[in-house]
Structures are given as structure tokens and as C-alpha cells.
Amino acid sequence: MTWPIAEVDNVARLRVLAAAQPSALFVEEVVDAPFDAVWAVAADLERELPELLPDVRSLQITKEHGERLEARARGYVGLRARFDIVLSPGWCVMQSRFLLGGMAAVPQGDRTRFAFLGAFRFPGMRILGPMMEPLVGAYAPKVVDRLRARVSGGPPTRP
């Protein structure tokens, strides 16, 4: 017996995860590059995540076990976090004590549909979330713009 539901691609899965988070910022766009090129950048977490996310100074993978990773991230204002990560082709979800992040991609012909998710995970976000919308609404599209630049071979966004 099979479940009476449709197949859900990785971008749709990330959209569902974002809908379940009161503070989620979510952006979904089509990148004019093949899936393999887009995912090669997105999945290179240690090198590329600090280029994509303006507030991440570094990310170091500390443990790997198949698709499950553990990493330590450092921000520019001294913040540090340990992340549990699930990384597979077209799918990345990262979770720390107070943050949730994700990226997903699916081929769309010779282009790629790409999605990015970021959310805070602490009490009170149902109340604070709506007040943060203008700030987070400006952040997510910049991540996709940086991804586009990196996929096209652009220079690093930081010295």
C-alpha cells in the first residue's frame, strides 16, 4: 500500500519546513545555471557558506557520517554555534540550538530552482516574527544573488 500523496521535490520540502517556522525567511528563485553547477557551490559549506551568508565568518565541518555532518560556525560579532547538518544532493538542512537554515535545489531544464531558508528557533518568535519581516525580507534575496555570482565564477564577496 502506498500513501495517497504526490511526490514532493526538495524545494517543496523546504517550503513546508519554512511554513512551520514562525520566524522563517524563505526565498525561491530560478538560477540560470545547471543543477550540478548550482549545487556544487551550495554544498561546499566550508568554502561557500561564508561567501553566501554575510553574517557567517567561517564554518568548519567537525564530523561526517554519510549525509549527516556536524559543524562549528563563527559569526563576525563573535557568535558561535554548533550545527547538525543533513546534506544530500539538492538538500541541506542545518540546525543549531537557536537557528535553522536550509538550501534546496531541483533541476528545471538547463536551469535550477533554488530555495533558501533561515529561521530563529527560540521562544517568542511567533510574536517577534512579524516585526522582523522587513529585515529578513531584504536578507534572503541577497543570499541568492551571491549564489548566482559564485556559480558564474564571480570573485568572493569578501576579501
N, C-alpha and C. Protein backbone atom coordinates (compact mmCIF):
# COMPACT_ATOMS: atom_id res chain seq x y z
N MET A 1 0.83 -1.18 0.00
CA MET A 1 0.00 0.00 0.00
C MET A 1 0.88 1.25 0.00
N THR A 2 0.53 2.24 -0.80
CA THR A 2 1.28 3.49 -0.84
C THR A 2 0.42 4.61 -0.29
N TRP A 3 1.09 5.66 0.14
CA TRP A 3 0.38 6.82 0.66
C TRP A 3 -0.27 7.58 -0.49
N PRO A 4 -1.44 8.10 -0.28
CA PRO A 4 -2.15 8.82 -1.35
C PRO A 4 -1.73 10.27 -1.45
N ILE A 5 -0.42 10.50 -1.54
CA ILE A 5 0.06 11.87 -1.70
C ILE A 5 1.00 11.95 -2.89
N ALA A 6 1.18 13.13 -3.39
CA ALA A 6 2.05 13.33 -4.54
C ALA A 6 3.52 13.34 -4.11
N GLU A 7 4.39 13.15 -5.08
CA GLU A 7 5.82 13.29 -4.84
C GLU A 7 6.11 14.76 -4.53
N VAL A 8 6.98 14.99 -3.59
CA VAL A 8 7.35 16.35 -3.22
C VAL A 8 8.84 16.52 -3.47
N ASP A 9 9.21 17.52 -4.28
CA ASP A 9 10.63 17.72 -4.56
C ASP A 9 11.30 18.47 -3.39
N ASN A 10 12.62 18.61 -3.47
CA ASN A 10 13.37 19.20 -2.37
C ASN A 10 12.98 20.65 -2.08
N VAL A 11 12.71 21.44 -3.10
CA VAL A 11 12.32 22.82 -2.89
C VAL A 11 10.97 22.88 -2.18
N ALA A 12 10.04 22.04 -2.58
CA ALA A 12 8.74 22.00 -1.91
C ALA A 12 8.88 21.54 -0.46
N ARG A 13 9.76 20.58 -0.20
CA ARG A 13 10.02 20.13 1.18
C ARG A 13 10.53 21.28 2.03
N LEU A 14 11.44 22.09 1.48
CA LEU A 14 11.98 23.22 2.23
C LEU A 14 10.90 24.28 2.45
N ARG A 15 10.02 24.47 1.48
CA ARG A 15 8.91 25.41 1.63
C ARG A 15 8.00 24.98 2.78
N VAL A 16 7.75 23.68 2.90
CA VAL A 16 6.93 23.16 4.01
C VAL A 16 7.63 23.41 5.34
N LEU A 17 8.93 23.16 5.39
CA LEU A 17 9.70 23.39 6.62
C LEU A 17 9.64 24.87 7.00
N ALA A 18 9.75 25.75 6.02
CA ALA A 18 9.67 27.20 6.28
C ALA A 18 8.30 27.59 6.81
N ALA A 19 7.26 26.99 6.26
CA ALA A 19 5.89 27.32 6.70
C ALA A 19 5.66 26.93 8.16
N ALA A 20 6.42 25.96 8.65
CA ALA A 20 6.25 25.51 10.03
C ALA A 20 7.04 26.36 11.03
N GLN A 21 7.85 27.29 10.54
CA GLN A 21 8.68 28.13 11.41
C GLN A 21 8.12 29.54 11.47
N PRO A 22 7.78 30.03 12.65
CA PRO A 22 7.17 31.36 12.74
C PRO A 22 8.07 32.50 12.29
N SER A 23 9.36 32.33 12.36
CA SER A 23 10.27 33.43 12.01
C SER A 23 10.97 33.22 10.68
N ALA A 24 10.50 32.28 9.89
CA ALA A 24 11.25 31.87 8.70
C ALA A 24 11.33 32.96 7.65
N LEU A 25 12.52 33.06 7.07
CA LEU A 25 12.67 33.81 5.84
C LEU A 25 12.91 32.75 4.78
N PHE A 26 12.23 32.87 3.70
CA PHE A 26 12.28 31.86 2.64
C PHE A 26 12.26 32.58 1.31
N VAL A 27 13.14 32.15 0.43
CA VAL A 27 13.14 32.69 -0.92
C VAL A 27 13.35 31.53 -1.88
N GLU A 28 12.65 31.60 -2.99
CA GLU A 28 12.74 30.57 -4.03
C GLU A 28 12.86 31.29 -5.36
N GLU A 29 13.91 30.97 -6.11
CA GLU A 29 14.13 31.62 -7.39
C GLU A 29 14.74 30.63 -8.38
N VAL A 30 14.65 30.97 -9.65
CA VAL A 30 15.28 30.15 -10.68
C VAL A 30 16.64 30.78 -11.00
N VAL A 31 17.66 29.93 -10.94
CA VAL A 31 19.03 30.36 -11.23
C VAL A 31 19.36 29.87 -12.64
N ASP A 32 19.89 30.76 -13.45
CA ASP A 32 20.19 30.45 -14.85
C ASP A 32 21.51 29.70 -14.97
N ALA A 33 21.53 28.50 -14.39
CA ALA A 33 22.71 27.63 -14.43
C ALA A 33 22.23 26.20 -14.17
N PRO A 34 22.97 25.22 -14.66
CA PRO A 34 22.56 23.83 -14.45
C PRO A 34 22.65 23.43 -12.97
N PHE A 35 21.84 22.45 -12.61
CA PHE A 35 21.78 21.96 -11.23
C PHE A 35 23.16 21.62 -10.68
N ASP A 36 23.98 20.88 -11.43
CA ASP A 36 25.29 20.46 -10.94
C ASP A 36 26.16 21.66 -10.56
N ALA A 37 26.12 22.72 -11.34
CA ALA A 37 26.92 23.90 -11.04
C ALA A 37 26.40 24.62 -9.80
N VAL A 38 25.09 24.74 -9.70
CA VAL A 38 24.49 25.41 -8.54
C VAL A 38 24.76 24.62 -7.27
N TRP A 39 24.54 23.31 -7.33
CA TRP A 39 24.69 22.52 -6.11
C TRP A 39 26.16 22.36 -5.71
N ALA A 40 27.07 22.41 -6.67
CA ALA A 40 28.49 22.36 -6.32
C ALA A 40 28.87 23.54 -5.42
N VAL A 41 28.31 24.69 -5.68
CA VAL A 41 28.56 25.86 -4.83
C VAL A 41 27.81 25.72 -3.51
N ALA A 42 26.53 25.44 -3.56
CA ALA A 42 25.71 25.37 -2.34
C ALA A 42 26.21 24.31 -1.37
N ALA A 43 26.65 23.18 -1.87
CA ALA A 43 27.05 22.07 -1.00
C ALA A 43 28.47 22.20 -0.45
N ASP A 44 29.25 23.12 -0.95
CA ASP A 44 30.60 23.34 -0.45
C ASP A 44 30.52 24.26 0.77
N LEU A 45 30.01 23.71 1.85
CA LEU A 45 29.66 24.51 3.03
C LEU A 45 30.84 25.27 3.63
N GLU A 46 31.97 24.62 3.78
CA GLU A 46 33.11 25.28 4.43
C GLU A 46 33.61 26.48 3.62
N ARG A 47 33.69 26.33 2.33
CA ARG A 47 34.22 27.40 1.49
C ARG A 47 33.15 28.42 1.11
N GLU A 48 31.98 27.96 0.74
CA GLU A 48 30.99 28.86 0.14
C GLU A 48 29.97 29.47 1.10
N LEU A 49 29.63 28.79 2.18
CA LEU A 49 28.62 29.35 3.08
C LEU A 49 29.04 30.72 3.62
N PRO A 50 30.31 30.90 4.02
CA PRO A 50 30.70 32.25 4.45
C PRO A 50 30.62 33.29 3.32
N GLU A 51 30.71 32.85 2.08
CA GLU A 51 30.55 33.77 0.96
C GLU A 51 29.08 34.12 0.71
N LEU A 52 28.19 33.17 1.00
CA LEU A 52 26.77 33.38 0.74
C LEU A 52 26.06 34.13 1.85
N LEU A 53 26.46 33.89 3.09
CA LEU A 53 25.79 34.48 4.24
C LEU A 53 26.65 35.59 4.84
N PRO A 54 26.19 36.83 4.77
CA PRO A 54 27.02 37.96 5.21
C PRO A 54 27.41 37.93 6.68
N ASP A 55 26.67 37.25 7.51
CA ASP A 55 26.97 37.25 8.95
C ASP A 55 27.76 36.02 9.40
N VAL A 56 28.18 35.16 8.48
CA VAL A 56 28.97 33.97 8.83
C VAL A 56 30.43 34.23 8.45
N ARG A 57 31.28 34.17 9.45
CA ARG A 57 32.71 34.37 9.23
C ARG A 57 33.38 33.09 8.75
N SER A 58 33.03 31.97 9.39
CA SER A 58 33.61 30.69 9.00
C SER A 58 32.70 29.55 9.41
N LEU A 59 32.86 28.43 8.72
CA LEU A 59 32.15 27.20 9.07
C LEU A 59 33.14 26.06 8.88
N GLN A 60 33.27 25.24 9.91
CA GLN A 60 34.20 24.12 9.85
C GLN A 60 33.45 22.83 10.16
N ILE A 61 33.52 21.88 9.22
CA ILE A 61 32.93 20.57 9.43
C ILE A 61 33.80 19.84 10.45
N THR A 62 33.19 19.36 11.53
CA THR A 62 33.94 18.68 12.58
C THR A 62 33.71 17.17 12.60
N LYS A 63 32.57 16.72 12.06
CA LYS A 63 32.28 15.29 11.99
C LYS A 63 31.49 15.01 10.73
N GLU A 64 31.73 13.85 10.13
CA GLU A 64 30.97 13.41 8.96
C GLU A 64 30.59 11.95 9.15
N HIS A 65 29.34 11.66 8.88
CA HIS A 65 28.87 10.28 8.89
C HIS A 65 27.81 10.16 7.80
N GLY A 66 28.25 9.86 6.59
CA GLY A 66 27.33 9.80 5.45
C GLY A 66 26.76 11.17 5.16
N GLU A 67 25.44 11.28 5.14
CA GLU A 67 24.76 12.55 4.87
C GLU A 67 24.70 13.44 6.10
N ARG A 68 25.04 12.91 7.25
CA ARG A 68 24.96 13.67 8.50
C ARG A 68 26.32 14.26 8.84
N LEU A 69 26.31 15.56 9.11
CA LEU A 69 27.52 16.28 9.43
C LEU A 69 27.32 17.05 10.74
N GLU A 70 28.41 17.43 11.34
CA GLU A 70 28.39 18.36 12.45
C GLU A 70 29.38 19.45 12.10
N ALA A 71 29.05 20.69 12.43
CA ALA A 71 29.93 21.81 12.09
C ALA A 71 29.90 22.86 13.18
N ARG A 72 30.94 23.65 13.19
CA ARG A 72 31.01 24.82 14.08
C ARG A 72 31.06 26.06 13.19
N ALA A 73 30.21 27.01 13.51
CA ALA A 73 30.16 28.26 12.76
C ALA A 73 30.54 29.42 13.67
N ARG A 74 31.19 30.40 13.06
CA ARG A 74 31.55 31.63 13.78
C ARG A 74 31.03 32.81 12.99
N GLY A 75 30.48 33.77 13.72
CA GLY A 75 29.99 34.99 13.09
C GLY A 75 30.98 36.13 13.28
N TYR A 76 30.69 37.25 12.66
CA TYR A 76 31.57 38.41 12.74
C TYR A 76 31.49 39.14 14.07
N VAL A 77 30.41 38.99 14.80
CA VAL A 77 30.29 39.67 16.09
C VAL A 77 30.64 38.75 17.25
N GLY A 78 31.32 37.65 16.94
CA GLY A 78 31.78 36.75 17.99
C GLY A 78 30.84 35.60 18.33
N LEU A 79 29.70 35.56 17.71
CA LEU A 79 28.77 34.47 17.99
C LEU A 79 29.30 33.16 17.43
N ARG A 80 29.05 32.08 18.15
CA ARG A 80 29.47 30.74 17.73
C ARG A 80 28.31 29.79 17.91
N ALA A 81 28.27 28.78 17.05
CA ALA A 81 27.19 27.79 17.15
C ALA A 81 27.66 26.46 16.60
N ARG A 82 27.12 25.38 17.17
CA ARG A 82 27.35 24.04 16.66
C ARG A 82 26.10 23.66 15.87
N PHE A 83 26.29 23.15 14.67
CA PHE A 83 25.18 22.78 13.80
C PHE A 83 25.18 21.29 13.51
N ASP A 84 24.00 20.70 13.55
CA ASP A 84 23.77 19.36 13.00
C ASP A 84 23.26 19.60 11.58
N ILE A 85 23.82 18.86 10.63
CA ILE A 85 23.53 19.11 9.21
C ILE A 85 23.16 17.80 8.53
N VAL A 86 22.18 17.87 7.65
CA VAL A 86 21.88 16.79 6.72
C VAL A 86 22.15 17.36 5.33
N LEU A 87 23.07 16.73 4.60
CA LEU A 87 23.47 17.22 3.29
C LEU A 87 23.43 16.08 2.28
N SER A 88 22.59 16.25 1.27
CA SER A 88 22.50 15.28 0.18
C SER A 88 22.27 16.08 -1.10
N PRO A 89 22.37 15.46 -2.26
CA PRO A 89 22.20 16.22 -3.50
C PRO A 89 20.86 16.97 -3.54
N GLY A 90 20.95 18.29 -3.63
CA GLY A 90 19.76 19.13 -3.71
C GLY A 90 19.11 19.43 -2.38
N TRP A 91 19.71 19.03 -1.26
CA TRP A 91 19.07 19.20 0.04
C TRP A 91 20.11 19.45 1.12
N CYS A 92 19.92 20.52 1.89
CA CYS A 92 20.79 20.81 3.03
C CYS A 92 19.94 21.46 4.11
N VAL A 93 19.93 20.86 5.30
CA VAL A 93 19.27 21.46 6.45
C VAL A 93 20.28 21.50 7.58
N MET A 94 20.39 22.68 8.19
CA MET A 94 21.34 22.91 9.27
C MET A 94 20.56 23.42 10.48
N GLN A 95 20.84 22.83 11.63
CA GLN A 95 20.10 23.21 12.83
C GLN A 95 21.06 23.36 14.00
N SER A 96 20.98 24.51 14.67
CA SER A 96 21.71 24.71 15.91
C SER A 96 20.67 24.89 17.02
N ARG A 97 21.14 25.24 18.17
CA ARG A 97 20.20 25.42 19.28
C ARG A 97 19.20 26.53 18.99
N PHE A 98 19.65 27.60 18.34
CA PHE A 98 18.78 28.76 18.12
C PHE A 98 18.52 29.11 16.66
N LEU A 99 19.13 28.37 15.72
CA LEU A 99 18.98 28.70 14.30
C LEU A 99 18.62 27.48 13.48
N LEU A 100 17.89 27.72 12.42
CA LEU A 100 17.57 26.69 11.43
C LEU A 100 17.88 27.29 10.07
N GLY A 101 18.60 26.55 9.26
CA GLY A 101 18.92 27.02 7.91
C GLY A 101 18.74 25.89 6.92
N GLY A 102 18.50 26.25 5.69
CA GLY A 102 18.36 25.22 4.68
C GLY A 102 18.52 25.76 3.28
N MET A 103 18.92 24.86 2.39
CA MET A 103 19.00 25.16 0.96
C MET A 103 18.47 23.94 0.23
N ALA A 104 17.82 24.18 -0.87
CA ALA A 104 17.31 23.08 -1.70
C ALA A 104 17.40 23.50 -3.16
N ALA A 105 17.57 22.51 -4.01
CA ALA A 105 17.66 22.80 -5.44
C ALA A 105 17.10 21.63 -6.22
N VAL A 106 16.46 21.95 -7.34
CA VAL A 106 15.97 20.92 -8.26
C VAL A 106 16.23 21.41 -9.68
N PRO A 107 16.60 20.46 -10.57
CA PRO A 107 16.80 20.85 -11.97
C PRO A 107 15.50 21.33 -12.59
N GLN A 108 15.61 22.31 -13.44
CA GLN A 108 14.45 22.80 -14.20
C GLN A 108 14.95 23.08 -15.61
N GLY A 109 15.00 21.99 -16.40
CA GLY A 109 15.60 22.08 -17.73
C GLY A 109 17.09 22.31 -17.57
N ASP A 110 17.62 23.34 -18.25
CA ASP A 110 19.04 23.66 -18.10
C ASP A 110 19.27 24.74 -17.04
N ARG A 111 18.25 25.00 -16.25
CA ARG A 111 18.32 25.95 -15.15
C ARG A 111 18.05 25.21 -13.84
N THR A 112 18.06 25.94 -12.72
CA THR A 112 17.88 25.32 -11.41
C THR A 112 16.93 26.15 -10.56
N ARG A 113 15.95 25.50 -9.99
CA ARG A 113 15.09 26.16 -9.00
C ARG A 113 15.79 25.98 -7.66
N PHE A 114 16.10 27.10 -7.00
CA PHE A 114 16.87 27.10 -5.75
C PHE A 114 16.07 27.80 -4.67
N ALA A 115 16.15 27.27 -3.45
CA ALA A 115 15.45 27.88 -2.31
C ALA A 115 16.40 27.98 -1.13
N PHE A 116 16.18 29.02 -0.34
CA PHE A 116 16.97 29.27 0.86
C PHE A 116 16.02 29.53 2.01
N LEU A 117 16.35 28.98 3.18
CA LEU A 117 15.55 29.14 4.39
C LEU A 117 16.46 29.55 5.53
N GLY A 118 16.02 30.48 6.32
CA GLY A 118 16.69 30.84 7.57
C GLY A 118 15.63 31.15 8.61
N ALA A 119 15.84 30.68 9.83
CA ALA A 119 14.85 30.93 10.88
C ALA A 119 15.52 30.90 12.25
N PHE A 120 15.00 31.73 13.14
CA PHE A 120 15.40 31.67 14.54
C PHE A 120 14.54 30.63 15.24
N ARG A 121 15.14 29.95 16.22
CA ARG A 121 14.42 28.92 16.97
C ARG A 121 14.49 29.23 18.45
N PHE A 122 13.71 30.18 18.89
CA PHE A 122 13.63 30.42 20.33
C PHE A 122 12.26 30.94 20.68
N PRO A 123 11.89 30.82 21.97
CA PRO A 123 10.55 31.24 22.39
C PRO A 123 10.27 32.70 22.04
N GLY A 124 9.05 32.97 21.71
CA GLY A 124 8.63 34.32 21.40
C GLY A 124 8.67 34.69 19.94
N MET A 125 9.11 33.78 19.08
CA MET A 125 9.22 34.12 17.67
C MET A 125 7.86 34.31 17.00
N ARG A 126 6.83 33.71 17.53
CA ARG A 126 5.50 33.95 16.95
C ARG A 126 5.11 35.41 17.10
N ILE A 127 5.56 36.03 18.18
CA ILE A 127 5.26 37.44 18.41
C ILE A 127 6.26 38.33 17.68
N LEU A 128 7.54 38.00 17.77
CA LEU A 128 8.58 38.83 17.16
C LEU A 128 8.68 38.67 15.64
N GLY A 129 8.30 37.51 15.13
CA GLY A 129 8.44 37.23 13.70
C GLY A 129 7.89 38.31 12.79
N PRO A 130 6.64 38.74 12.97
CA PRO A 130 6.10 39.76 12.08
C PRO A 130 6.87 41.09 12.12
N MET A 131 7.44 41.43 13.27
CA MET A 131 8.21 42.68 13.38
C MET A 131 9.54 42.58 12.64
N MET A 132 10.04 41.36 12.45
CA MET A 132 11.33 41.15 11.80
C MET A 132 11.20 41.00 10.29
N GLU A 133 9.99 40.90 9.76
CA GLU A 133 9.79 40.64 8.34
C GLU A 133 10.51 41.60 7.41
N PRO A 134 10.49 42.93 7.67
CA PRO A 134 11.23 43.83 6.75
C PRO A 134 12.73 43.53 6.71
N LEU A 135 13.31 43.22 7.85
CA LEU A 135 14.74 42.92 7.91
C LEU A 135 15.07 41.64 7.17
N VAL A 136 14.35 40.58 7.49
CA VAL A 136 14.65 39.30 6.86
C VAL A 136 14.23 39.27 5.40
N GLY A 137 13.24 40.05 5.05
CA GLY A 137 12.80 40.11 3.66
C GLY A 137 13.87 40.65 2.73
N ALA A 138 14.74 41.49 3.24
CA ALA A 138 15.83 42.03 2.44
C ALA A 138 17.03 41.10 2.41
N TYR A 139 17.16 40.22 3.39
CA TYR A 139 18.33 39.35 3.53
C TYR A 139 18.33 38.20 2.53
N ALA A 140 17.23 37.48 2.44
CA ALA A 140 17.17 36.25 1.63
C ALA A 140 17.50 36.46 0.15
N PRO A 141 16.95 37.47 -0.51
CA PRO A 141 17.30 37.65 -1.93
C PRO A 141 18.80 37.91 -2.14
N LYS A 142 19.46 38.53 -1.17
CA LYS A 142 20.89 38.78 -1.29
C LYS A 142 21.67 37.47 -1.28
N VAL A 143 21.19 36.49 -0.52
CA VAL A 143 21.85 35.18 -0.50
C VAL A 143 21.79 34.56 -1.88
N VAL A 144 20.64 34.63 -2.54
CA VAL A 144 20.50 34.05 -3.88
C VAL A 144 21.35 34.83 -4.88
N ASP A 145 21.41 36.16 -4.74
CA ASP A 145 22.26 36.96 -5.63
C ASP A 145 23.72 36.56 -5.48
N ARG A 146 24.16 36.32 -4.25
CA ARG A 146 25.55 35.90 -4.01
C ARG A 146 25.79 34.51 -4.60
N LEU A 147 24.80 33.63 -4.48
CA LEU A 147 24.92 32.30 -5.07
C LEU A 147 25.09 32.41 -6.58
N ARG A 148 24.26 33.23 -7.22
CA ARG A 148 24.37 33.42 -8.67
C ARG A 148 25.77 33.89 -9.05
N ALA A 149 26.31 34.83 -8.30
CA ALA A 149 27.63 35.35 -8.60
C ALA A 149 28.69 34.27 -8.44
N ARG A 150 28.59 33.46 -7.41
CA ARG A 150 29.57 32.39 -7.16
C ARG A 150 29.47 31.31 -8.24
N VAL A 151 28.25 30.98 -8.67
CA VAL A 151 28.06 29.96 -9.70
C VAL A 151 28.67 30.43 -11.02
N SER A 152 28.54 31.71 -11.30
CA SER A 152 29.07 32.24 -12.57
C SER A 152 30.57 32.51 -12.50
N GLY A 153 31.20 32.13 -11.39
CA GLY A 153 32.64 32.29 -11.27
C GLY A 153 33.07 33.65 -10.78
N GLY A 154 32.13 34.37 -10.19
CA GLY A 154 32.45 35.69 -9.68
C GLY A 154 33.42 35.63 -8.52
N PRO A 155 34.04 36.77 -8.21
CA PRO A 155 35.00 36.79 -7.12
C PRO A 155 34.31 36.60 -5.77
N PRO A 156 35.07 36.23 -4.77
CA PRO A 156 34.49 36.13 -3.43
C PRO A 156 33.88 37.47 -3.04
N THR A 157 32.84 37.40 -2.21
CA THR A 157 32.16 38.63 -1.79
C THR A 157 32.91 39.32 -0.68
N ARG A 158 33.94 38.67 -0.14
CA ARG A 158 34.75 39.26 0.92
C ARG A 158 36.21 39.11 0.56
N PRO A 159 37.04 40.03 1.09
CA PRO A 159 38.49 39.89 0.83
C PRO A 159 39.05 38.64 1.46
